[in-house]
Protein backbone atom coordinates (compact mmCIF):
# COMPACT_ATOMS: atom_id res chain seq x y z
CA UNK A 1 84.14 89.64 242.09
CA UNK A 2 85.83 92.62 243.75
CA UNK A 3 86.00 96.14 242.40
CA UNK A 4 89.73 95.81 241.88
CA UNK A 5 89.34 92.70 239.76
CA UNK A 6 86.74 94.46 237.62
CA UNK A 7 89.04 97.41 237.07
CA UNK A 8 91.84 95.06 236.02
CA UNK A 9 89.81 93.43 233.27
CA UNK A 10 91.49 93.95 229.90
CA UNK A 11 89.19 91.93 227.73
CA UNK A 12 87.41 93.18 224.61
CA UNK A 13 83.99 93.12 226.28
CA UNK A 14 85.27 95.29 229.13
CA UNK A 15 86.68 97.81 226.70
CA UNK A 16 83.46 97.91 224.70
CA UNK A 17 81.56 98.42 227.94
CA UNK A 18 83.79 101.40 228.75
CA UNK A 19 83.31 102.87 225.29
CA UNK A 20 79.52 102.53 225.40
CA UNK A 21 77.76 105.87 225.61
CA UNK A 22 75.83 105.98 228.91
CA UNK A 23 73.11 108.10 227.29
CA UNK A 24 72.44 105.31 224.78
CA UNK A 25 72.12 102.76 227.58
CA UNK A 26 69.78 105.02 229.55
CA UNK A 27 67.58 105.83 226.57
CA UNK A 28 67.30 102.23 225.38
CA UNK A 29 66.61 100.90 228.86
CA UNK A 30 63.80 103.38 229.33
CA UNK A 31 62.50 102.74 225.80
CA UNK A 32 62.16 98.99 226.28
CA UNK A 33 60.53 99.55 229.67
CA UNK A 34 58.17 102.18 228.30
CA UNK A 35 54.63 101.07 227.56
CA UNK A 36 54.35 103.85 225.02
CA UNK A 37 57.16 102.47 222.83
CA UNK A 38 55.93 98.88 223.05
CA UNK A 39 52.34 99.93 222.32
CA UNK A 40 53.39 102.05 219.35
CA UNK A 41 55.38 99.19 217.86
CA UNK A 42 52.51 96.72 218.28
CA UNK A 43 50.04 99.19 216.79
CA UNK A 44 52.33 99.73 213.79
CA UNK A 45 52.61 95.99 213.17
CA UNK A 46 48.84 95.59 213.53
CA UNK A 47 48.19 98.35 211.03
CA UNK A 48 50.61 96.77 208.55
CA UNK A 49 48.96 93.36 208.92
CA UNK A 50 45.46 94.80 208.55
CA UNK A 51 46.49 96.88 205.54
CA UNK A 52 47.83 93.83 203.68
CA UNK A 53 44.85 91.68 204.62
CA UNK A 54 42.23 94.26 203.72
CA UNK A 55 43.90 95.08 200.41
CA UNK A 56 44.07 91.43 199.32
CA UNK A 57 40.54 90.61 200.48
CA UNK A 58 38.87 93.77 199.22
CA UNK A 59 40.58 93.84 195.82
CA UNK A 60 40.55 90.28 194.56
CA UNK A 61 42.17 91.48 191.34
CA UNK A 62 45.31 92.05 193.41
CA UNK A 63 46.07 88.34 193.05
CA UNK A 64 46.27 88.65 189.26
CA UNK A 65 47.31 92.32 188.89
CA UNK A 66 50.91 92.62 187.72
CA UNK A 67 51.42 95.86 189.70
CA UNK A 68 49.77 94.66 192.92
CA UNK A 69 53.10 94.29 194.72
CA UNK A 70 54.08 97.89 194.00
CA UNK A 71 50.77 99.29 195.22
CA UNK A 72 50.82 97.21 198.40
CA UNK A 73 54.42 98.21 199.07
CA UNK A 74 53.63 101.91 198.65
CA UNK A 75 50.72 101.51 201.08
CA UNK A 76 52.90 99.80 203.68
CA UNK A 77 55.79 102.17 203.05
CA UNK A 78 53.57 105.20 203.59
CA UNK A 79 52.34 103.78 206.90
CA UNK A 80 55.89 102.93 208.03
CA UNK A 81 57.42 106.25 206.96
CA UNK A 82 54.58 108.38 208.32
CA UNK A 83 54.52 106.76 211.75
CA UNK A 84 58.32 106.66 211.98
CA UNK A 85 58.69 110.33 211.00
CA UNK A 86 56.13 111.25 213.66
CA UNK A 87 56.94 108.83 216.47
CA UNK A 88 60.76 108.63 216.59
CA UNK A 89 61.53 112.39 216.34
CA UNK A 90 58.67 113.30 218.69
CA UNK A 91 59.66 110.71 221.30
CA UNK A 92 63.35 111.72 221.21
CA UNK A 93 62.68 115.47 221.22
CA UNK A 94 60.18 115.33 224.09
CA UNK A 95 62.64 113.45 226.29
CA UNK A 96 65.40 115.97 225.59
CA UNK A 97 62.99 118.87 226.08
CA UNK A 98 62.05 117.49 229.50
CA UNK A 99 65.72 117.30 230.44
CA UNK A 100 66.25 120.92 229.37
CA UNK A 101 63.28 122.16 231.38
CA UNK A 102 63.78 124.53 234.29
CA UNK A 103 63.27 121.65 236.74
CA UNK A 104 65.99 119.35 235.36
CA UNK A 105 68.37 121.76 233.60
CA UNK A 106 70.85 121.66 236.52
CA UNK A 107 71.33 117.93 235.97
CA UNK A 108 72.20 118.59 232.34
CA UNK A 109 74.90 121.14 233.12
CA UNK A 110 76.54 119.54 236.17
CA UNK A 111 77.07 116.17 234.50
CA UNK A 112 80.60 115.21 233.51
CA UNK A 113 79.33 113.82 230.20
CA UNK A 114 80.37 116.04 227.30
CA UNK A 115 77.64 117.82 225.31
CA UNK A 116 78.78 115.95 222.21
CA UNK A 117 78.24 112.63 223.98
CA UNK A 118 74.78 113.68 225.15
CA UNK A 119 73.58 114.53 221.64
CA UNK A 120 75.32 111.48 220.16
CA UNK A 121 73.65 109.25 222.73
CA UNK A 122 70.23 110.65 221.90
CA UNK A 123 70.86 110.18 218.17
CA UNK A 124 72.24 106.64 218.46
CA UNK A 125 69.33 105.58 220.65
CA UNK A 126 66.95 106.96 218.02
CA UNK A 127 68.86 105.11 215.29
CA UNK A 128 68.56 101.82 217.16
CA UNK A 129 64.86 102.43 217.75
CA UNK A 130 64.37 103.19 214.05
CA UNK A 131 66.25 100.02 213.08
CA UNK A 132 63.94 98.07 215.38
CA UNK A 133 60.86 99.55 213.73
CA UNK A 134 62.13 99.01 210.18
CA UNK A 135 63.29 95.46 210.88
CA UNK A 136 59.92 94.59 212.39
CA UNK A 137 58.10 95.88 209.30
CA UNK A 138 60.55 94.53 206.73
CA UNK A 139 58.88 91.07 206.46
CA UNK A 140 55.66 92.75 205.35
CA UNK A 141 57.66 94.76 202.79
CA UNK A 142 59.43 91.66 201.47
CA UNK A 143 56.08 89.87 201.14
CA UNK A 144 55.03 92.33 198.43
CA UNK A 145 57.70 90.82 196.16
CA UNK A 146 55.49 87.73 195.72
CA UNK A 147 52.58 89.89 194.55
CA UNK A 148 54.60 90.96 191.45
CA UNK A 149 55.35 94.43 190.19
CA UNK A 150 58.34 95.08 192.45
CA UNK A 151 61.80 93.62 192.99
CA UNK A 152 63.92 93.18 196.10
CA UNK A 153 66.65 95.72 195.15
CA UNK A 154 63.96 98.38 194.80
CA UNK A 155 62.58 97.48 198.23
CA UNK A 156 65.96 97.74 199.94
CA UNK A 157 66.99 100.99 198.21
CA UNK A 158 63.71 102.70 199.08
CA UNK A 159 63.87 101.47 202.67
CA UNK A 160 67.43 102.83 202.97
CA UNK A 161 66.33 106.26 201.72
CA UNK A 162 63.37 106.21 204.11
CA UNK A 163 65.65 105.27 206.99
CA UNK A 164 67.94 108.22 206.25
CA UNK A 165 64.95 110.56 206.07
CA UNK A 166 63.71 109.42 209.50
CA UNK A 167 67.17 109.88 211.05
CA UNK A 168 67.49 113.34 209.49
CA UNK A 169 64.11 114.37 210.86
CA UNK A 170 65.05 112.98 214.27
CA UNK A 171 68.26 115.00 214.41
CA UNK A 172 66.33 118.09 213.34
CA UNK A 173 63.86 117.48 216.18
CA UNK A 174 66.77 117.09 218.62
CA UNK A 175 68.09 120.47 217.46
CA UNK A 176 64.73 122.13 218.04
CA UNK A 177 64.52 120.58 221.51
CA UNK A 178 68.03 121.88 222.26
CA UNK A 179 67.22 125.52 221.52
CA UNK A 180 67.21 127.45 224.83
CA UNK A 181 63.86 129.24 224.48
CA UNK A 182 60.69 129.26 226.53
CA UNK A 183 57.85 126.79 226.14
CA UNK A 184 55.75 129.01 223.89
CA UNK A 185 58.48 129.51 221.29
CA UNK A 186 59.45 125.86 221.49
CA UNK A 187 55.86 124.83 220.77
CA UNK A 188 55.80 127.23 217.81
CA UNK A 189 59.08 125.80 216.51
CA UNK A 190 57.70 122.30 217.00
CA UNK A 191 54.59 123.06 214.94
CA UNK A 192 56.75 124.52 212.18
CA UNK A 193 58.92 121.40 212.19
CA UNK A 194 55.85 119.14 212.02
CA UNK A 195 54.63 121.08 209.01
CA UNK A 196 58.05 120.66 207.38
CA UNK A 197 57.92 116.93 208.16
CA UNK A 198 54.53 116.71 206.45
CA UNK A 199 55.91 118.39 203.32
CA UNK A 200 58.90 116.03 203.36
CA UNK A 201 56.57 113.03 203.69
CA UNK A 202 54.44 114.12 200.75
CA UNK A 203 57.48 114.83 198.59
CA UNK A 204 59.08 111.51 199.54
CA UNK A 205 56.01 109.47 198.65
CA UNK A 206 55.74 111.23 195.32
CA UNK A 207 59.42 110.73 194.59
CA UNK A 208 59.37 107.04 195.53
CA UNK A 209 56.34 106.43 193.34
CA UNK A 210 58.19 108.06 190.45
CA UNK A 211 61.23 105.87 191.11
CA UNK A 212 59.07 102.73 190.97
CA UNK A 213 57.44 103.95 187.78
CA UNK A 214 60.87 104.40 186.18
CA UNK A 215 61.94 100.96 187.42
CA UNK A 216 64.70 100.86 190.02
CA UNK A 217 65.66 97.26 189.35
CA UNK A 218 66.34 97.92 185.66
CA UNK A 219 68.53 100.92 186.50
CA UNK A 220 70.85 99.32 189.04
CA UNK A 221 73.60 99.22 186.42
CA UNK A 222 73.05 102.86 185.45
CA UNK A 223 75.69 105.20 186.89
CA UNK A 224 73.30 108.19 186.75
CA UNK A 225 70.92 106.39 189.09
CA UNK A 226 73.64 105.76 191.65
CA UNK A 227 74.81 109.36 191.29
CA UNK A 228 71.34 110.43 192.36
CA UNK A 229 71.32 107.98 195.28
CA UNK A 230 74.77 109.11 196.42
CA UNK A 231 73.67 112.74 196.09
CA UNK A 232 70.63 112.18 198.29
CA UNK A 233 72.66 110.27 200.88
CA UNK A 234 75.27 113.03 200.89
CA UNK A 235 72.56 115.63 201.42
CA UNK A 236 71.08 113.65 204.32
CA UNK A 237 74.55 113.19 205.84
CA UNK A 238 75.21 116.92 205.56
CA UNK A 239 71.90 117.75 207.22
CA UNK A 240 72.43 115.22 210.01
CA UNK A 241 75.94 116.49 210.68
CA UNK A 242 74.86 120.14 210.58
CA UNK A 243 71.98 119.62 213.00
CA UNK A 244 74.25 117.50 215.21
CA UNK A 245 76.95 120.15 215.67
CA UNK A 246 74.28 122.85 216.09
CA UNK A 247 72.57 120.77 218.78
CA UNK A 248 75.88 120.31 220.57
CA UNK A 249 76.42 124.08 220.42
CA UNK A 250 72.96 124.73 221.84
CA UNK A 251 73.57 122.71 225.02
CA UNK A 252 77.18 123.85 225.44
CA UNK A 253 77.62 126.65 228.04
CA UNK A 254 77.78 130.11 226.41
CA UNK A 255 81.22 130.76 227.94
CA UNK A 256 82.71 127.83 225.98
CA UNK A 257 84.02 127.93 222.43
CA UNK A 258 80.84 126.42 221.05
CA UNK A 259 81.09 128.03 217.62
CA UNK A 260 84.35 126.24 216.82
CA UNK A 261 83.00 122.73 215.98
CA UNK A 262 80.13 124.18 213.94
CA UNK A 263 82.37 126.27 211.74
CA UNK A 264 84.99 123.56 211.35
CA UNK A 265 82.35 121.02 210.29
CA UNK A 266 80.69 123.39 207.83
CA UNK A 267 84.05 124.36 206.35
CA UNK A 268 85.04 120.72 205.87
CA UNK A 269 81.63 119.94 204.36
CA UNK A 270 81.96 122.97 202.04
CA UNK A 271 85.41 121.85 200.86
CA UNK A 272 84.67 118.13 200.49
CA UNK A 273 81.36 118.60 198.69
CA UNK A 274 82.91 121.31 196.56
CA UNK A 275 85.60 118.93 195.32
CA UNK A 276 82.95 116.25 194.73
CA UNK A 277 80.68 118.48 192.64
CA UNK A 278 83.61 119.71 190.56
CA UNK A 279 84.54 116.12 189.75
CA UNK A 280 80.91 115.34 188.96
CA UNK A 281 80.71 118.42 186.75
CA UNK A 282 83.74 117.27 184.72
CA UNK A 283 82.45 113.70 184.37
CA UNK A 284 78.93 114.70 183.23
CA UNK A 285 79.95 117.88 181.36
CA UNK A 286 77.34 119.97 183.20
CA UNK A 287 77.28 122.88 185.64
CA UNK A 288 74.26 121.59 187.55
CA UNK A 289 76.20 120.10 190.53
CA UNK A 290 78.18 123.34 190.95
CA UNK A 291 75.00 125.42 190.74
CA UNK A 292 73.34 123.36 193.46
CA UNK A 293 76.47 123.49 195.64
CA UNK A 294 76.78 127.26 195.46
CA UNK A 295 73.09 127.81 196.20
CA UNK A 296 73.17 125.50 199.25
CA UNK A 297 76.31 126.94 200.81
CA UNK A 298 75.64 130.57 199.87
CA UNK A 299 72.30 130.26 201.66
CA UNK A 300 73.99 128.57 204.63
CA UNK A 301 76.60 131.29 204.99
CA UNK A 302 73.94 133.99 204.54
CA UNK A 303 71.92 132.55 207.44
CA UNK A 304 75.18 132.31 209.42
CA UNK A 305 75.44 136.11 209.23
CA UNK A 306 72.36 136.46 211.43
CA UNK A 307 73.65 133.78 213.79
CA UNK A 308 77.04 135.49 214.01
CA UNK A 309 75.70 138.90 215.05
CA UNK A 310 73.73 137.14 217.80
CA UNK A 311 76.83 135.64 219.41
CA UNK A 312 78.72 137.17 222.31
CA UNK A 313 80.18 140.56 221.54
CA UNK A 314 83.61 139.18 222.36
CA UNK A 315 85.04 135.84 223.48
CA UNK A 316 85.19 135.25 227.22
CA UNK A 317 88.19 134.27 229.29
CA UNK A 318 87.53 130.57 228.78
CA UNK A 319 87.85 131.03 225.02
CA UNK A 320 90.83 133.37 225.24
CA UNK A 321 92.80 130.80 227.24
CA UNK A 322 92.71 128.49 224.21
CA UNK A 323 93.84 131.13 221.67
CA UNK A 324 97.12 129.99 220.03
CA UNK A 325 100.34 131.87 220.80
CA UNK A 326 101.52 131.79 217.18
CA UNK A 327 100.32 134.72 215.12
CA UNK A 328 99.67 132.52 212.08
CA UNK A 329 97.64 129.99 214.05
CA UNK A 330 95.87 132.84 215.84
CA UNK A 331 94.87 134.40 212.50
CA UNK A 332 93.41 131.09 211.33
CA UNK A 333 91.72 130.45 214.69
CA UNK A 334 90.02 133.85 214.56
CA UNK A 335 87.79 132.64 211.72
CA UNK A 336 86.53 129.63 213.67
CA UNK A 337 86.36 130.72 217.32
CA UNK A 338 83.20 131.92 219.01
CA UNK A 339 82.42 135.62 218.88
CA UNK A 340 80.38 137.97 216.71
CA UNK A 341 83.39 139.37 214.83
CA UNK A 342 84.78 135.90 214.12
CA UNK A 343 81.40 134.64 212.93
CA UNK A 344 80.88 137.60 210.60
CA UNK A 345 84.33 137.13 209.13
CA UNK A 346 83.87 133.41 208.62
CA UNK A 347 80.44 133.79 206.99
CA UNK A 348 81.52 136.70 204.75
CA UNK A 349 84.64 134.89 203.56
CA UNK A 350 82.57 131.74 202.96
CA UNK A 351 80.12 133.67 200.78
CA UNK A 352 82.91 135.36 198.83
CA UNK A 353 84.82 132.10 198.23
CA UNK A 354 81.69 130.18 197.20
CA UNK A 355 80.57 132.75 194.66
CA UNK A 356 84.11 133.37 193.36
CA UNK A 357 84.93 129.69 192.84
CA UNK A 358 81.62 129.05 191.08
CA UNK A 359 82.19 132.10 188.84
CA UNK A 360 85.74 130.97 187.96
CA UNK A 361 84.43 127.49 187.15
CA UNK A 362 81.80 128.96 184.81
CA UNK A 363 84.49 130.96 182.99
CA UNK A 364 86.86 128.02 182.69
CA UNK A 365 84.25 125.66 181.19
CA UNK A 366 81.64 127.75 179.35
CA UNK A 367 80.73 124.90 176.98
CA UNK A 368 79.22 122.71 179.71
CA UNK A 369 75.44 122.44 179.86
CA UNK A 370 73.30 124.60 182.16
CA UNK A 371 75.89 127.39 182.03
CA UNK A 372 73.19 130.08 182.05
CA UNK A 373 71.55 128.53 185.10
CA UNK A 374 74.84 128.72 186.99
CA UNK A 375 75.38 132.38 186.05
CA UNK A 376 71.79 133.28 186.95
CA UNK A 377 72.10 131.53 190.29
CA UNK A 378 75.36 133.35 191.03
CA UNK A 379 73.78 136.75 190.40
CA UNK A 380 70.67 135.94 192.41
CA UNK A 381 72.59 134.51 195.39
CA UNK A 382 75.17 137.31 195.28
CA UNK A 383 72.48 139.99 195.57
CA UNK A 384 70.64 138.06 198.29
CA UNK A 385 73.79 137.56 200.38
CA UNK A 386 74.67 141.24 200.03
CA UNK A 387 71.27 142.29 201.38
CA UNK A 388 71.51 139.72 204.17
CA UNK A 389 74.87 141.24 205.12
CA UNK A 390 73.31 144.71 205.23
CA UNK A 391 70.33 143.66 207.35
CA UNK A 392 72.45 141.63 209.80
CA UNK A 393 74.94 144.44 210.44
CA UNK A 394 72.16 147.03 210.60
CA UNK A 395 70.41 144.94 213.25
CA UNK A 396 73.69 144.71 215.19
CA UNK A 397 74.13 148.49 215.05
CA UNK A 398 70.56 149.04 216.19
CA UNK A 399 70.92 146.76 219.19
CA UNK A 400 74.38 147.93 220.17
CA UNK A 401 73.74 151.68 220.07
CA UNK A 402 70.02 152.16 220.64
CA UNK A 403 68.92 149.03 222.54
CA UNK A 404 72.09 148.17 224.44
CA UNK A 405 70.17 146.68 227.37
CA UNK A 406 68.86 143.89 225.15
CA UNK A 407 70.99 140.74 225.12
CA UNK A 408 73.16 140.09 222.09
CA UNK A 409 71.46 136.71 221.54
CA UNK A 410 68.38 138.59 220.27
CA UNK A 411 70.23 140.56 217.59
CA UNK A 412 68.87 138.32 214.83
CA UNK A 413 65.36 139.47 215.71
CA UNK A 414 66.26 143.09 214.96
CA UNK A 415 67.84 142.07 211.65
CA UNK A 416 64.76 140.03 210.76
CA UNK A 417 62.44 142.93 211.62
CA UNK A 418 64.49 145.26 209.44
CA UNK A 419 64.35 142.74 206.60
CA UNK A 420 60.56 142.41 206.83
CA UNK A 421 60.29 146.19 206.87
CA UNK A 422 62.60 146.48 203.86
CA UNK A 423 60.45 144.03 201.94
CA UNK A 424 57.03 145.40 202.83
CA UNK A 425 57.37 149.14 203.55
CA UNK A 426 58.80 150.40 200.20
CA UNK A 427 56.31 148.42 198.17
CA UNK A 428 53.38 149.61 200.30
CA UNK A 429 54.50 153.23 199.98
CA UNK A 430 54.67 152.93 196.21
CA UNK A 431 51.31 151.15 196.12
CA UNK A 432 49.53 153.76 198.25
CA UNK A 433 51.03 156.89 196.66
CA UNK A 434 51.61 155.99 193.03
CA UNK A 435 49.20 153.18 192.27
CA UNK A 436 47.89 153.16 188.74
CA UNK A 437 47.88 151.14 185.57
CA UNK A 438 51.34 152.30 184.48
CA UNK A 439 52.76 151.84 187.98
CA UNK A 440 51.46 148.30 188.20
CA UNK A 441 52.80 147.43 184.75
CA UNK A 442 56.27 149.00 184.88
CA UNK A 443 57.22 151.11 187.91
CA UNK A 444 56.34 148.71 190.70
CA UNK A 445 59.62 146.84 190.28
CA UNK A 446 61.57 149.88 191.44
CA UNK A 447 59.83 149.61 194.81
CA UNK A 448 61.12 146.09 195.33
CA UNK A 449 64.48 147.56 196.31
CA UNK A 450 65.19 146.20 199.77
CA UNK A 451 63.77 142.75 199.03
CA UNK A 452 66.67 140.26 199.13
CA UNK A 453 64.78 137.77 196.95
CA UNK A 454 63.66 140.07 194.11
CA UNK A 455 66.67 139.84 191.77
CA UNK A 456 65.04 137.73 189.04
CA UNK A 457 61.80 139.72 189.17
CA UNK A 458 63.24 143.22 188.85
CA UNK A 459 64.21 145.07 185.66
CA UNK A 460 66.27 147.92 187.18
CA UNK A 461 69.03 145.64 188.45
CA UNK A 462 71.61 148.45 188.51
CA UNK A 463 69.51 150.43 191.00
CA UNK A 464 68.78 147.29 193.02
CA UNK A 465 72.42 146.30 193.27
CA UNK A 466 73.73 149.87 193.67
CA UNK A 467 71.65 150.52 196.78
CA UNK A 468 72.84 147.24 198.30
CA UNK A 469 76.51 148.06 197.62
CA UNK A 470 76.27 151.58 199.09
CA UNK A 471 74.38 150.23 202.10
CA UNK A 472 76.94 147.46 202.66
CA UNK A 473 79.86 149.90 202.53
CA UNK A 474 78.08 152.23 204.96
CA UNK A 475 77.26 149.60 207.60
CA UNK A 476 80.73 148.08 207.25
CA UNK A 477 82.29 151.49 207.90
CA UNK A 478 80.08 152.06 210.94
CA UNK A 479 81.10 148.67 212.34
CA UNK A 480 84.78 149.02 211.45
CA UNK A 481 85.93 150.42 214.79
CA UNK A 482 84.05 147.71 216.70
CA UNK A 483 85.54 145.05 214.44
CA UNK A 484 89.13 146.31 214.80
CA UNK A 485 88.79 146.33 218.59
CA UNK A 486 87.64 142.69 218.54
CA UNK A 487 90.46 141.64 216.21
CA UNK A 488 93.12 143.37 218.31
CA UNK A 489 91.68 141.87 221.49
CA UNK A 490 91.78 138.33 220.12
CA UNK A 491 94.98 137.17 221.83
CA UNK A 492 95.90 134.67 224.49
CA UNK A 493 94.79 135.50 227.99
CA UNK A 494 98.07 134.17 229.41
CA UNK A 495 100.96 135.31 227.24
CA UNK A 496 104.51 133.92 227.42
CA UNK A 497 107.34 135.64 229.29
CA UNK A 498 109.91 137.38 227.12
CA UNK A 499 113.65 136.79 227.29
CA UNK A 500 114.28 139.64 229.74
CA UNK A 501 112.08 137.85 232.28
CA UNK A 502 109.40 140.53 232.45
CA UNK A 503 105.86 139.24 232.25
CA UNK A 504 103.27 140.66 229.96
CA UNK A 505 100.57 141.28 232.51
CA UNK A 506 99.72 144.47 230.66
CA UNK A 507 98.41 142.39 227.76
CA UNK A 508 96.29 140.33 230.12
CA UNK A 509 94.94 143.50 231.70
CA UNK A 510 94.10 144.96 228.28
CA UNK A 511 92.36 141.73 227.26
CA UNK A 512 90.28 141.76 230.42
CA UNK A 513 89.27 145.34 229.76
CA UNK A 514 88.46 144.62 226.11
CA UNK A 515 86.10 141.81 227.06
CA UNK A 516 84.13 143.03 230.03
CA UNK A 517 80.75 141.39 230.65
CA UNK A 518 78.44 142.10 227.70
CA UNK A 519 76.13 144.47 229.50
CA UNK A 520 78.90 146.69 230.90
CA UNK A 521 80.84 146.78 227.66
CA UNK A 522 77.81 147.61 225.54
CA UNK A 523 76.80 150.42 227.90
CA UNK A 524 80.29 151.90 227.55
CA UNK A 525 80.08 151.63 223.76
CA UNK A 526 76.70 153.35 223.80
């Protein structure tokens, strides 16, 4: 068969072959050829077989115990979930970390494969590997049905939730492996992630045991049960999607518009889940879904403030070439494009809209249950976001005017240091200078000012909130000139020619001046 005849193939198989992600093919080929993967799978199956055999032989009452099937299933499920949560994320992350090492990083950046395809290939390969592991262990799980105490719907529902947890942990591990930091920090991040995985494993086993105790099979016709399942699946989907777009942004060149897909995805997730929780709130006559929604997205936007100040001081030429010509489209694009000013605007507007919509909903339907919880959450998250805004902008001012030689990507560290100081220093001063019985009983709360998380534990809320408002106005005023310059400089790099035929090279020249390389521009600002 000649090359020309291959290229002329129009069949379905040829098209599927063209659509296949090459990263998936590479990862799966190396996985099936890897002794480590084969050995791990055989060890897992051996452990499952030994666990079932030992349990039945050691506890002869298992043959007559009505709950034997549930206990055996939980034993096998713990082995499957624990090994899967450790093996699949670790295997996938180590391979990506090796490709992002100093030795092989050139291969990652000169490839014609898009960053989105690279991350998607890693994730799909991990999904296929997880399906292989779960399908190999599923016969042992189904065998527990004959030991009584468990039904098949319960087995399949729990396995589905476990599968989603493994995929979520895998995507989180891919994100950690994508972060462009040195080996020491990456090892530290890896240890933190392993600790988080351990907490997730313990919580999952406890939750699954509670589900079995309540009886999943008897609740399959209960809409509240499926609401909980859909809620968990939606949460896992949100986490997977968030880590996916963040991973793509991490391996995208800094000169590209890598903040755009992240902000678009989070905005769509915010809107779609917001509509869903409002519908759920009306159906169940409760404010709980709205309260959870506003806490999740207020926290997300608050963390985005620190990410935003760590972006490039202004978009580069590659980003400016894609800026729309229309003023209306350009105003909308400003919220989503890469750049510190755009990120701050997007996160601040997201916080304001989230808190405002939740507050309006609480006023429209005050008779719904858990109304006080929604109001309390709004106050707590509003104060926390306001302090986060102050610390993020203060860190940006500190780096831009006093430590201009430091790269903008480290701005979040200065904001974090200021936050730690604001939490610890005032309290320590009050403790050392005014410690006493009365201080410890009453006055110590006044020294919690500066702690973003102290709203519910402080009595002088007016003082706590007043300092945050004054601080926010002050740092916003100090950053106003910088922000206006970035907004005015957000325009197309190549502008159209007017009707008189004269080009607008002056605009291009001004844009080039407004966005000099970060180091030069920051030295001029200083």
